[in-house]
Structures are given as structure tokens and as C-alpha cells.
Amino acid sequence: HILWLYQGQLVSSQANMSNVLAPQAGRV
């Protein structure tokens, strides 16, 4: 159960990871 930092706050592993990754998802 890793906690990780996003936008300066700790977010639990239950967060929607796809939303977090969305800004870079299509980058090639």
C-alpha cells in the first residue's frame, strides 16, 4: 500500500491512477 505524492499531497493507492496519468497518456 504505497502512498505517493501528487500535487503536493499524499494520495492513497485507491485513487484513480488513470486520471492522474491522463495528462501524459498520449505522449509519444
mmCIF file of all heavy atoms, coordinates in Angstrom:
data_MODEL
# 
_entry.id   MODEL 
# 
loop_
_atom_site.group_PDB 
_atom_site.id 
_atom_site.type_symbol 
_atom_site.label_atom_id 
_atom_site.label_alt_id 
_atom_site.label_comp_id 
_atom_site.label_asym_id 
_atom_site.label_entity_id 
_atom_site.label_seq_id 
_atom_site.pdbx_PDB_ins_code 
_atom_site.Cartn_x 
_atom_site.Cartn_y 
_atom_site.Cartn_z 
_atom_site.occupancy 
_atom_site.B_iso_or_equiv 
_atom_site.pdbx_formal_charge 
_atom_site.auth_seq_id 
_atom_site.auth_comp_id 
_atom_site.auth_asym_id 
_atom_site.auth_atom_id 
_atom_site.pdbx_PDB_model_num 
ATOM 1   N N   . HIS A 1 1  ? 0.850   -1.190 0.000   1.00 0.00 ? 1  HIS A N   1 
ATOM 2   C CA  . HIS A 1 1  ? 0.000   0.000  0.000   1.00 0.00 ? 1  HIS A CA  1 
ATOM 3   C C   . HIS A 1 1  ? 0.888   1.243  0.000   1.00 0.00 ? 1  HIS A C   1 
ATOM 4   O O   . HIS A 1 1  ? 1.130   1.843  1.047   1.00 0.00 ? 1  HIS A O   1 
ATOM 5   C CB  . HIS A 1 1  ? -0.931  -0.018 1.206   1.00 0.00 ? 1  HIS A CB  1 
ATOM 6   C CG  . HIS A 1 1  ? -1.858  -1.190 1.222   1.00 0.00 ? 1  HIS A CG  1 
ATOM 7   N ND1 . HIS A 1 1  ? -2.856  -1.367 0.283   1.00 0.00 ? 1  HIS A ND1 1 
ATOM 8   C CD2 . HIS A 1 1  ? -1.924  -2.267 2.028   1.00 0.00 ? 1  HIS A CD2 1 
ATOM 9   C CE1 . HIS A 1 1  ? -3.496  -2.495 0.533   1.00 0.00 ? 1  HIS A CE1 1 
ATOM 10  N NE2 . HIS A 1 1  ? -2.948  -3.052 1.582   1.00 0.00 ? 1  HIS A NE2 1 
ATOM 11  N N   . ILE A 1 2  ? 1.391   1.557  -1.176  1.00 0.00 ? 2  ILE A N   1 
ATOM 12  C CA  . ILE A 1 2  ? 2.323   2.673  -1.287  1.00 0.00 ? 2  ILE A CA  1 
ATOM 13  C C   . ILE A 1 2  ? 1.546   3.975  -1.397  1.00 0.00 ? 2  ILE A C   1 
ATOM 14  O O   . ILE A 1 2  ? 0.571   4.079  -2.131  1.00 0.00 ? 2  ILE A O   1 
ATOM 15  C CB  . ILE A 1 2  ? 3.231   2.490  -2.522  1.00 0.00 ? 2  ILE A CB  1 
ATOM 16  C CG1 . ILE A 1 2  ? 4.087   1.234  -2.343  1.00 0.00 ? 2  ILE A CG1 1 
ATOM 17  C CG2 . ILE A 1 2  ? 4.114   3.697  -2.735  1.00 0.00 ? 2  ILE A CG2 1 
ATOM 18  C CD1 . ILE A 1 2  ? 4.879   0.874  -3.567  1.00 0.00 ? 2  ILE A CD1 1 
ATOM 19  N N   . LEU A 1 3  ? 2.007   4.970  -0.659  1.00 0.00 ? 3  LEU A N   1 
ATOM 20  C CA  . LEU A 1 3  ? 1.469   6.309  -0.799  1.00 0.00 ? 3  LEU A CA  1 
ATOM 21  C C   . LEU A 1 3  ? 2.412   7.098  -1.673  1.00 0.00 ? 3  LEU A C   1 
ATOM 22  O O   . LEU A 1 3  ? 3.615   6.945  -1.598  1.00 0.00 ? 3  LEU A O   1 
ATOM 23  C CB  . LEU A 1 3  ? 1.372   6.975  0.583   1.00 0.00 ? 3  LEU A CB  1 
ATOM 24  C CG  . LEU A 1 3  ? 0.454   6.283  1.583   1.00 0.00 ? 3  LEU A CG  1 
ATOM 25  C CD1 . LEU A 1 3  ? 0.494   7.026  2.900   1.00 0.00 ? 3  LEU A CD1 1 
ATOM 26  C CD2 . LEU A 1 3  ? -0.962  6.221  1.062   1.00 0.00 ? 3  LEU A CD2 1 
ATOM 27  N N   . TRP A 1 4  ? 1.873   7.916  -2.520  1.00 0.00 ? 4  TRP A N   1 
ATOM 28  C CA  . TRP A 1 4  ? 2.743   8.679  -3.405  1.00 0.00 ? 4  TRP A CA  1 
ATOM 29  C C   . TRP A 1 4  ? 2.281   10.114 -3.502  1.00 0.00 ? 4  TRP A C   1 
ATOM 30  O O   . TRP A 1 4  ? 1.132   10.441 -3.239  1.00 0.00 ? 4  TRP A O   1 
ATOM 31  C CB  . TRP A 1 4  ? 2.849   8.026  -4.776  1.00 0.00 ? 4  TRP A CB  1 
ATOM 32  C CG  . TRP A 1 4  ? 1.558   7.742  -5.442  1.00 0.00 ? 4  TRP A CG  1 
ATOM 33  C CD1 . TRP A 1 4  ? 0.720   6.690  -5.222  1.00 0.00 ? 4  TRP A CD1 1 
ATOM 34  C CD2 . TRP A 1 4  ? 0.935   8.520  -6.459  1.00 0.00 ? 4  TRP A CD2 1 
ATOM 35  N NE1 . TRP A 1 4  ? -0.365  6.773  -6.022  1.00 0.00 ? 4  TRP A NE1 1 
ATOM 36  C CE2 . TRP A 1 4  ? -0.273  7.884  -6.798  1.00 0.00 ? 4  TRP A CE2 1 
ATOM 37  C CE3 . TRP A 1 4  ? 1.285   9.706  -7.116  1.00 0.00 ? 4  TRP A CE3 1 
ATOM 38  C CZ2 . TRP A 1 4  ? -1.117  8.378  -7.762  1.00 0.00 ? 4  TRP A CZ2 1 
ATOM 39  C CZ3 . TRP A 1 4  ? 0.434   10.185 -8.084  1.00 0.00 ? 4  TRP A CZ3 1 
ATOM 40  C CH2 . TRP A 1 4  ? -0.753  9.508  -8.394  1.00 0.00 ? 4  TRP A CH2 1 
ATOM 41  N N   . LEU A 1 5  ? 3.209   10.970 -3.866  1.00 0.00 ? 5  LEU A N   1 
ATOM 42  C CA  . LEU A 1 5  ? 2.974   12.399 -3.853  1.00 0.00 ? 5  LEU A CA  1 
ATOM 43  C C   . LEU A 1 5  ? 2.450   12.884 -5.190  1.00 0.00 ? 5  LEU A C   1 
ATOM 44  O O   . LEU A 1 5  ? 3.006   12.591 -6.227  1.00 0.00 ? 5  LEU A O   1 
ATOM 45  C CB  . LEU A 1 5  ? 4.289   13.122 -3.525  1.00 0.00 ? 5  LEU A CB  1 
ATOM 46  C CG  . LEU A 1 5  ? 4.182   14.591 -3.155  1.00 0.00 ? 5  LEU A CG  1 
ATOM 47  C CD1 . LEU A 1 5  ? 3.503   14.720 -1.797  1.00 0.00 ? 5  LEU A CD1 1 
ATOM 48  C CD2 . LEU A 1 5  ? 5.566   15.203 -3.097  1.00 0.00 ? 5  LEU A CD2 1 
ATOM 49  N N   . TYR A 1 6  ? 1.362   13.641 -5.137  1.00 0.00 ? 6  TYR A N   1 
ATOM 50  C CA  . TYR A 1 6  ? 0.820   14.232 -6.354  1.00 0.00 ? 6  TYR A CA  1 
ATOM 51  C C   . TYR A 1 6  ? 0.217   15.584 -5.994  1.00 0.00 ? 6  TYR A C   1 
ATOM 52  O O   . TYR A 1 6  ? -0.570  15.703 -5.076  1.00 0.00 ? 6  TYR A O   1 
ATOM 53  C CB  . TYR A 1 6  ? -0.241  13.320 -6.968  1.00 0.00 ? 6  TYR A CB  1 
ATOM 54  C CG  . TYR A 1 6  ? -0.906  13.910 -8.183  1.00 0.00 ? 6  TYR A CG  1 
ATOM 55  C CD1 . TYR A 1 6  ? -0.164  14.225 -9.315  1.00 0.00 ? 6  TYR A CD1 1 
ATOM 56  C CD2 . TYR A 1 6  ? -2.271  14.184 -8.195  1.00 0.00 ? 6  TYR A CD2 1 
ATOM 57  C CE1 . TYR A 1 6  ? -0.764  14.775 -10.424 1.00 0.00 ? 6  TYR A CE1 1 
ATOM 58  C CE2 . TYR A 1 6  ? -2.878  14.734 -9.302  1.00 0.00 ? 6  TYR A CE2 1 
ATOM 59  C CZ  . TYR A 1 6  ? -2.131  15.029 -10.412 1.00 0.00 ? 6  TYR A CZ  1 
ATOM 60  O OH  . TYR A 1 6  ? -2.700  15.581 -11.524 1.00 0.00 ? 6  TYR A OH  1 
ATOM 61  N N   . GLN A 1 7  ? 0.619   16.609 -6.713  1.00 0.00 ? 7  GLN A N   1 
ATOM 62  C CA  . GLN A 1 7  ? 0.172   17.973 -6.459  1.00 0.00 ? 7  GLN A CA  1 
ATOM 63  C C   . GLN A 1 7  ? 0.401   18.357 -4.995  1.00 0.00 ? 7  GLN A C   1 
ATOM 64  O O   . GLN A 1 7  ? -0.413  19.038 -4.363  1.00 0.00 ? 7  GLN A O   1 
ATOM 65  C CB  . GLN A 1 7  ? -1.303  18.143 -6.828  1.00 0.00 ? 7  GLN A CB  1 
ATOM 66  C CG  . GLN A 1 7  ? -1.522  18.055 -8.337  1.00 0.00 ? 7  GLN A CG  1 
ATOM 67  C CD  . GLN A 1 7  ? -2.962  18.286 -8.734  1.00 0.00 ? 7  GLN A CD  1 
ATOM 68  O OE1 . GLN A 1 7  ? -3.870  18.112 -7.947  1.00 0.00 ? 7  GLN A OE1 1 
ATOM 69  N NE2 . GLN A 1 7  ? -3.170  18.695 -9.969  1.00 0.00 ? 7  GLN A NE2 1 
ATOM 70  N N   . GLY A 1 8  ? 1.560   17.891 -4.471  1.00 0.00 ? 8  GLY A N   1 
ATOM 71  C CA  . GLY A 1 8  ? 1.979   18.312 -3.145  1.00 0.00 ? 8  GLY A CA  1 
ATOM 72  C C   . GLY A 1 8  ? 1.268   17.625 -1.999  1.00 0.00 ? 8  GLY A C   1 
ATOM 73  O O   . GLY A 1 8  ? 1.483   17.960 -0.846  1.00 0.00 ? 8  GLY A O   1 
ATOM 74  N N   . GLN A 1 9  ? 0.414   16.635 -2.261  1.00 0.00 ? 9  GLN A N   1 
ATOM 75  C CA  . GLN A 1 9  ? -0.306  15.959 -1.195  1.00 0.00 ? 9  GLN A CA  1 
ATOM 76  C C   . GLN A 1 9  ? -0.164  14.460 -1.352  1.00 0.00 ? 9  GLN A C   1 
ATOM 77  O O   . GLN A 1 9  ? -0.002  13.944 -2.450  1.00 0.00 ? 9  GLN A O   1 
ATOM 78  C CB  . GLN A 1 9  ? -1.792  16.321 -1.223  1.00 0.00 ? 9  GLN A CB  1 
ATOM 79  C CG  . GLN A 1 9  ? -2.062  17.809 -0.971  1.00 0.00 ? 9  GLN A CG  1 
ATOM 80  C CD  . GLN A 1 9  ? -3.551  18.105 -1.010  1.00 0.00 ? 9  GLN A CD  1 
ATOM 81  O OE1 . GLN A 1 9  ? -4.333  17.278 -1.451  1.00 0.00 ? 9  GLN A OE1 1 
ATOM 82  N NE2 . GLN A 1 9  ? -3.924  19.274 -0.549  1.00 0.00 ? 9  GLN A NE2 1 
ATOM 83  N N   . LEU A 1 10 ? -0.236  13.750 -0.222  1.00 0.00 ? 10 LEU A N   1 
ATOM 84  C CA  . LEU A 1 10 ? -0.219  12.293 -0.273  1.00 0.00 ? 10 LEU A CA  1 
ATOM 85  C C   . LEU A 1 10 ? -1.589  11.775 -0.688  1.00 0.00 ? 10 LEU A C   1 
ATOM 86  O O   . LEU A 1 10 ? -2.604  12.172 -0.149  1.00 0.00 ? 10 LEU A O   1 
ATOM 87  C CB  . LEU A 1 10 ? 0.159   11.713 1.090   1.00 0.00 ? 10 LEU A CB  1 
ATOM 88  C CG  . LEU A 1 10 ? 1.642   11.838 1.463   1.00 0.00 ? 10 LEU A CG  1 
ATOM 89  C CD1 . LEU A 1 10 ? 1.839   11.426 2.905   1.00 0.00 ? 10 LEU A CD1 1 
ATOM 90  C CD2 . LEU A 1 10 ? 2.481   10.981 0.542   1.00 0.00 ? 10 LEU A CD2 1 
ATOM 91  N N   . VAL A 1 11 ? -1.585  10.887 -1.670  1.00 0.00 ? 11 VAL A N   1 
ATOM 92  C CA  . VAL A 1 11 ? -2.831  10.333 -2.189  1.00 0.00 ? 11 VAL A CA  1 
ATOM 93  C C   . VAL A 1 11 ? -2.759  8.825  -2.035  1.00 0.00 ? 11 VAL A C   1 
ATOM 94  O O   . VAL A 1 11 ? -1.756  8.213  -2.356  1.00 0.00 ? 11 VAL A O   1 
ATOM 95  C CB  . VAL A 1 11 ? -3.007  10.702 -3.685  1.00 0.00 ? 11 VAL A CB  1 
ATOM 96  C CG1 . VAL A 1 11 ? -4.306  10.131 -4.217  1.00 0.00 ? 11 VAL A CG1 1 
ATOM 97  C CG2 . VAL A 1 11 ? -2.987  12.209 -3.854  1.00 0.00 ? 11 VAL A CG2 1 
ATOM 98  N N   . SER A 1 12 ? -3.800  8.192  -1.554  1.00 0.00 ? 12 SER A N   1 
ATOM 99  C CA  . SER A 1 12 ? -3.764  6.757  -1.312  1.00 0.00 ? 12 SER A CA  1 
ATOM 100 C C   . SER A 1 12 ? -3.791  5.991  -2.622  1.00 0.00 ? 12 SER A C   1 
ATOM 101 O O   . SER A 1 12 ? -4.146  6.497  -3.684  1.00 0.00 ? 12 SER A O   1 
ATOM 102 C CB  . SER A 1 12 ? -4.965  6.330  -0.465  1.00 0.00 ? 12 SER A CB  1 
ATOM 103 O OG  . SER A 1 12 ? -6.127  6.266  -1.262  1.00 0.00 ? 12 SER A OG  1 
ATOM 104 N N   . SER A 1 13 ? -3.408  4.711  -2.540  1.00 0.00 ? 13 SER A N   1 
ATOM 105 C CA  . SER A 1 13 ? -3.353  3.861  -3.722  1.00 0.00 ? 13 SER A CA  1 
ATOM 106 C C   . SER A 1 13 ? -4.730  3.583  -4.303  1.00 0.00 ? 13 SER A C   1 
ATOM 107 O O   . SER A 1 13 ? -4.839  2.991  -5.383  1.00 0.00 ? 13 SER A O   1 
ATOM 108 C CB  . SER A 1 13 ? -2.664  2.536  -3.380  1.00 0.00 ? 13 SER A CB  1 
ATOM 109 O OG  . SER A 1 13 ? -3.359  1.883  -2.357  1.00 0.00 ? 13 SER A OG  1 
ATOM 110 N N   . GLN A 1 14 ? -5.796  3.988  -3.589  1.00 0.00 ? 14 GLN A N   1 
ATOM 111 C CA  . GLN A 1 14 ? -7.139  3.791  -4.108  1.00 0.00 ? 14 GLN A CA  1 
ATOM 112 C C   . GLN A 1 14 ? -7.531  4.868  -5.116  1.00 0.00 ? 14 GLN A C   1 
ATOM 113 O O   . GLN A 1 14 ? -8.572  4.795  -5.759  1.00 0.00 ? 14 GLN A O   1 
ATOM 114 C CB  . GLN A 1 14 ? -8.152  3.791  -2.941  1.00 0.00 ? 14 GLN A CB  1 
ATOM 115 C CG  . GLN A 1 14 ? -7.864  2.745  -1.874  1.00 0.00 ? 14 GLN A CG  1 
ATOM 116 C CD  . GLN A 1 14 ? -7.818  1.352  -2.443  1.00 0.00 ? 14 GLN A CD  1 
ATOM 117 O OE1 . GLN A 1 14 ? -8.697  0.963  -3.208  1.00 0.00 ? 14 GLN A OE1 1 
ATOM 118 N NE2 . GLN A 1 14 ? -6.793  0.593  -2.080  1.00 0.00 ? 14 GLN A NE2 1 
ATOM 119 N N   . ALA A 1 15 ? -6.706  5.903  -5.247  1.00 0.00 ? 15 ALA A N   1 
ATOM 120 C CA  . ALA A 1 15 ? -7.018  6.977  -6.188  1.00 0.00 ? 15 ALA A CA  1 
ATOM 121 C C   . ALA A 1 15 ? -7.069  6.432  -7.605  1.00 0.00 ? 15 ALA A C   1 
ATOM 122 O O   . ALA A 1 15 ? -6.459  5.423  -7.930  1.00 0.00 ? 15 ALA A O   1 
ATOM 123 C CB  . ALA A 1 15 ? -5.978  8.087  -6.070  1.00 0.00 ? 15 ALA A CB  1 
ATOM 124 N N   . ASN A 1 16 ? -7.772  7.132  -8.463  1.00 0.00 ? 16 ASN A N   1 
ATOM 125 C CA  . ASN A 1 16 ? -7.909  6.703  -9.849  1.00 0.00 ? 16 ASN A CA  1 
ATOM 126 C C   . ASN A 1 16 ? -6.634  7.042  -10.599 1.00 0.00 ? 16 ASN A C   1 
ATOM 127 O O   . ASN A 1 16 ? -6.423  8.173  -11.030 1.00 0.00 ? 16 ASN A O   1 
ATOM 128 C CB  . ASN A 1 16 ? -9.115  7.402  -10.488 1.00 0.00 ? 16 ASN A CB  1 
ATOM 129 C CG  . ASN A 1 16 ? -9.426  6.851  -11.868 1.00 0.00 ? 16 ASN A CG  1 
ATOM 130 O OD1 . ASN A 1 16 ? -8.549  6.326  -12.558 1.00 0.00 ? 16 ASN A OD1 1 
ATOM 131 N ND2 . ASN A 1 16 ? -10.671 6.953  -12.271 1.00 0.00 ? 16 ASN A ND2 1 
ATOM 132 N N   . MET A 1 17 ? -5.773  6.040  -10.759 1.00 0.00 ? 17 MET A N   1 
ATOM 133 C CA  . MET A 1 17 ? -4.463  6.273  -11.352 1.00 0.00 ? 17 MET A CA  1 
ATOM 134 C C   . MET A 1 17 ? -4.560  6.722  -12.801 1.00 0.00 ? 17 MET A C   1 
ATOM 135 O O   . MET A 1 17 ? -3.754  7.520  -13.274 1.00 0.00 ? 17 MET A O   1 
ATOM 136 C CB  . MET A 1 17 ? -3.597  5.012  -11.241 1.00 0.00 ? 17 MET A CB  1 
ATOM 137 C CG  . MET A 1 17 ? -2.147  5.233  -11.657 1.00 0.00 ? 17 MET A CG  1 
ATOM 138 S SD  . MET A 1 17 ? -1.069  3.902  -11.086 1.00 0.00 ? 17 MET A SD  1 
ATOM 139 C CE  . MET A 1 17 ? -1.855  2.453  -11.798 1.00 0.00 ? 17 MET A CE  1 
ATOM 140 N N   . SER A 1 18 ? -5.557  6.236  -13.515 1.00 0.00 ? 18 SER A N   1 
ATOM 141 C CA  . SER A 1 18 ? -5.676  6.615  -14.926 1.00 0.00 ? 18 SER A CA  1 
ATOM 142 C C   . SER A 1 18 ? -5.907  8.113  -15.077 1.00 0.00 ? 18 SER A C   1 
ATOM 143 O O   . SER A 1 18 ? -5.409  8.740  -16.024 1.00 0.00 ? 18 SER A O   1 
ATOM 144 C CB  . SER A 1 18 ? -6.802  5.829  -15.602 1.00 0.00 ? 18 SER A CB  1 
ATOM 145 O OG  . SER A 1 18 ? -8.048  6.125  -15.017 1.00 0.00 ? 18 SER A OG  1 
ATOM 146 N N   . ASN A 1 19 ? -6.641  8.706  -14.134 1.00 0.00 ? 19 ASN A N   1 
ATOM 147 C CA  . ASN A 1 19 ? -6.859  10.153 -14.188 1.00 0.00 ? 19 ASN A CA  1 
ATOM 148 C C   . ASN A 1 19 ? -5.568  10.918 -13.943 1.00 0.00 ? 19 ASN A C   1 
ATOM 149 O O   . ASN A 1 19 ? -5.303  11.937 -14.577 1.00 0.00 ? 19 ASN A O   1 
ATOM 150 C CB  . ASN A 1 19 ? -7.915  10.573 -13.163 1.00 0.00 ? 19 ASN A CB  1 
ATOM 151 C CG  . ASN A 1 19 ? -9.323  10.161 -13.577 1.00 0.00 ? 19 ASN A CG  1 
ATOM 152 O OD1 . ASN A 1 19 ? -9.564  9.873  -14.750 1.00 0.00 ? 19 ASN A OD1 1 
ATOM 153 N ND2 . ASN A 1 19 ? -10.229 10.120 -12.610 1.00 0.00 ? 19 ASN A ND2 1 
ATOM 154 N N   . VAL A 1 20 ? -4.775  10.412 -13.019 1.00 0.00 ? 20 VAL A N   1 
ATOM 155 C CA  . VAL A 1 20 ? -3.505  11.050 -12.699 1.00 0.00 ? 20 VAL A CA  1 
ATOM 156 C C   . VAL A 1 20 ? -2.553  10.979 -13.892 1.00 0.00 ? 20 VAL A C   1 
ATOM 157 O O   . VAL A 1 20 ? -1.841  11.929 -14.190 1.00 0.00 ? 20 VAL A O   1 
ATOM 158 C CB  . VAL A 1 20 ? -2.882  10.384 -11.457 1.00 0.00 ? 20 VAL A CB  1 
ATOM 159 C CG1 . VAL A 1 20 ? -1.474  10.916 -11.216 1.00 0.00 ? 20 VAL A CG1 1 
ATOM 160 C CG2 . VAL A 1 20 ? -3.754  10.625 -10.236 1.00 0.00 ? 20 VAL A CG2 1 
ATOM 161 N N   . LEU A 1 21 ? -2.550  9.843  -14.582 1.00 0.00 ? 21 LEU A N   1 
ATOM 162 C CA  . LEU A 1 21 ? -1.641  9.637  -15.713 1.00 0.00 ? 21 LEU A CA  1 
ATOM 163 C C   . LEU A 1 21 ? -2.146  10.271 -17.001 1.00 0.00 ? 21 LEU A C   1 
ATOM 164 O O   . LEU A 1 21 ? -1.399  10.382 -17.979 1.00 0.00 ? 21 LEU A O   1 
ATOM 165 C CB  . LEU A 1 21 ? -1.426  8.137  -15.936 1.00 0.00 ? 21 LEU A CB  1 
ATOM 166 C CG  . LEU A 1 21 ? -0.718  7.379  -14.810 1.00 0.00 ? 21 LEU A CG  1 
ATOM 167 C CD1 . LEU A 1 21 ? -0.734  5.886  -15.088 1.00 0.00 ? 21 LEU A CD1 1 
ATOM 168 C CD2 . LEU A 1 21 ? 0.707   7.873  -14.636 1.00 0.00 ? 21 LEU A CD2 1 
ATOM 169 N N   . ALA A 1 22 ? -3.397  10.686 -17.018 1.00 0.00 ? 22 ALA A N   1 
ATOM 170 C CA  . ALA A 1 22 ? -4.026  11.169 -18.251 1.00 0.00 ? 22 ALA A CA  1 
ATOM 171 C C   . ALA A 1 22 ? -3.264  12.275 -18.971 1.00 0.00 ? 22 ALA A C   1 
ATOM 172 O O   . ALA A 1 22 ? -3.170  12.251 -20.204 1.00 0.00 ? 22 ALA A O   1 
ATOM 173 C CB  . ALA A 1 22 ? -5.461  11.622 -17.952 1.00 0.00 ? 22 ALA A CB  1 
ATOM 174 N N   . PRO A 1 23 ? -2.687  13.265 -18.265 1.00 0.00 ? 23 PRO A N   1 
ATOM 175 C CA  . PRO A 1 23 ? -2.010  14.355 -18.994 1.00 0.00 ? 23 PRO A CA  1 
ATOM 176 C C   . PRO A 1 23 ? -0.874  13.885 -19.901 1.00 0.00 ? 23 PRO A C   1 
ATOM 177 O O   . PRO A 1 23 ? -0.542  14.558 -20.876 1.00 0.00 ? 23 PRO A O   1 
ATOM 178 C CB  . PRO A 1 23 ? -1.483  15.254 -17.867 1.00 0.00 ? 23 PRO A CB  1 
ATOM 179 C CG  . PRO A 1 23 ? -2.400  15.002 -16.724 1.00 0.00 ? 23 PRO A CG  1 
ATOM 180 C CD  . PRO A 1 23 ? -2.736  13.545 -16.814 1.00 0.00 ? 23 PRO A CD  1 
ATOM 181 N N   . GLN A 1 24 ? -0.273  12.724 -19.592 1.00 0.00 ? 24 GLN A N   1 
ATOM 182 C CA  . GLN A 1 24 ? 0.864   12.246 -20.388 1.00 0.00 ? 24 GLN A CA  1 
ATOM 183 C C   . GLN A 1 24 ? 0.546   10.973 -21.173 1.00 0.00 ? 24 GLN A C   1 
ATOM 184 O O   . GLN A 1 24 ? 1.402   10.469 -21.890 1.00 0.00 ? 24 GLN A O   1 
ATOM 185 C CB  . GLN A 1 24 ? 2.061   11.968 -19.464 1.00 0.00 ? 24 GLN A CB  1 
ATOM 186 C CG  . GLN A 1 24 ? 2.602   13.211 -18.773 1.00 0.00 ? 24 GLN A CG  1 
ATOM 187 C CD  . GLN A 1 24 ? 3.765   12.916 -17.847 1.00 0.00 ? 24 GLN A CD  1 
ATOM 188 O OE1 . GLN A 1 24 ? 3.936   11.788 -17.372 1.00 0.00 ? 24 GLN A OE1 1 
ATOM 189 N NE2 . GLN A 1 24 ? 4.577   13.921 -17.571 1.00 0.00 ? 24 GLN A NE2 1 
ATOM 190 N N   . ALA A 1 25 ? -0.675  10.479 -21.056 1.00 0.00 ? 25 ALA A N   1 
ATOM 191 C CA  . ALA A 1 25 ? -1.014  9.161  -21.597 1.00 0.00 ? 25 ALA A CA  1 
ATOM 192 C C   . ALA A 1 25 ? -0.755  9.047  -23.097 1.00 0.00 ? 25 ALA A C   1 
ATOM 193 O O   . ALA A 1 25 ? -0.327  7.998  -23.594 1.00 0.00 ? 25 ALA A O   1 
ATOM 194 C CB  . ALA A 1 25 ? -2.468  8.826  -21.286 1.00 0.00 ? 25 ALA A CB  1 
ATOM 195 N N   . GLY A 1 26 ? -1.013  10.121 -23.829 1.00 0.00 ? 26 GLY A N   1 
ATOM 196 C CA  . GLY A 1 26 ? -0.857  10.060 -25.278 1.00 0.00 ? 26 GLY A CA  1 
ATOM 197 C C   . GLY A 1 26 ? 0.478   10.557 -25.795 1.00 0.00 ? 26 GLY A C   1 
ATOM 198 O O   . GLY A 1 26 ? 0.708   10.606 -27.010 1.00 0.00 ? 26 GLY A O   1 
ATOM 199 N N   . ARG A 1 27 ? 1.371   10.913 -24.899 1.00 0.00 ? 27 ARG A N   1 
ATOM 200 C CA  . ARG A 1 27 ? 2.667   11.466 -25.301 1.00 0.00 ? 27 ARG A CA  1 
ATOM 201 C C   . ARG A 1 27 ? 3.519   10.377 -25.943 1.00 0.00 ? 27 ARG A C   1 
ATOM 202 O O   . ARG A 1 27 ? 3.689   9.290  -25.393 1.00 0.00 ? 27 ARG A O   1 
ATOM 203 C CB  . ARG A 1 27 ? 3.379   12.033 -24.076 1.00 0.00 ? 27 ARG A CB  1 
ATOM 204 C CG  . ARG A 1 27 ? 4.743   12.658 -24.377 1.00 0.00 ? 27 ARG A CG  1 
ATOM 205 C CD  . ARG A 1 27 ? 4.617   14.073 -24.905 1.00 0.00 ? 27 ARG A CD  1 
ATOM 206 N NE  . ARG A 1 27 ? 5.897   14.766 -24.820 1.00 0.00 ? 27 ARG A NE  1 
ATOM 207 C CZ  . ARG A 1 27 ? 6.781   14.844 -25.817 1.00 0.00 ? 27 ARG A CZ  1 
ATOM 208 N NH1 . ARG A 1 27 ? 6.509   14.271 -26.979 1.00 0.00 ? 27 ARG A NH1 1 
ATOM 209 N NH2 . ARG A 1 27 ? 7.921   15.489 -25.651 1.00 0.00 ? 27 ARG A NH2 1 
ATOM 210 N N   . VAL A 1 28 ? 4.061   10.671 -27.117 1.00 0.00 ? 28 VAL A N   1 
ATOM 211 C CA  . VAL A 1 28 ? 4.881   9.694  -27.844 1.00 0.00 ? 28 VAL A CA  1 
ATOM 212 C C   . VAL A 1 28 ? 6.166   10.359 -28.309 1.00 0.00 ? 28 VAL A C   1 
ATOM 213 O O   . VAL A 1 28 ? 6.148   11.428 -28.919 1.00 0.00 ? 28 VAL A O   1 
ATOM 214 C CB  . VAL A 1 28 ? 4.122   9.124  -29.066 1.00 0.00 ? 28 VAL A CB  1 
ATOM 215 C CG1 . VAL A 1 28 ? 5.039   8.234  -29.891 1.00 0.00 ? 28 VAL A CG1 1 
ATOM 216 C CG2 . VAL A 1 28 ? 2.887   8.350  -28.620 1.00 0.00 ? 28 VAL A CG2 1 
# 
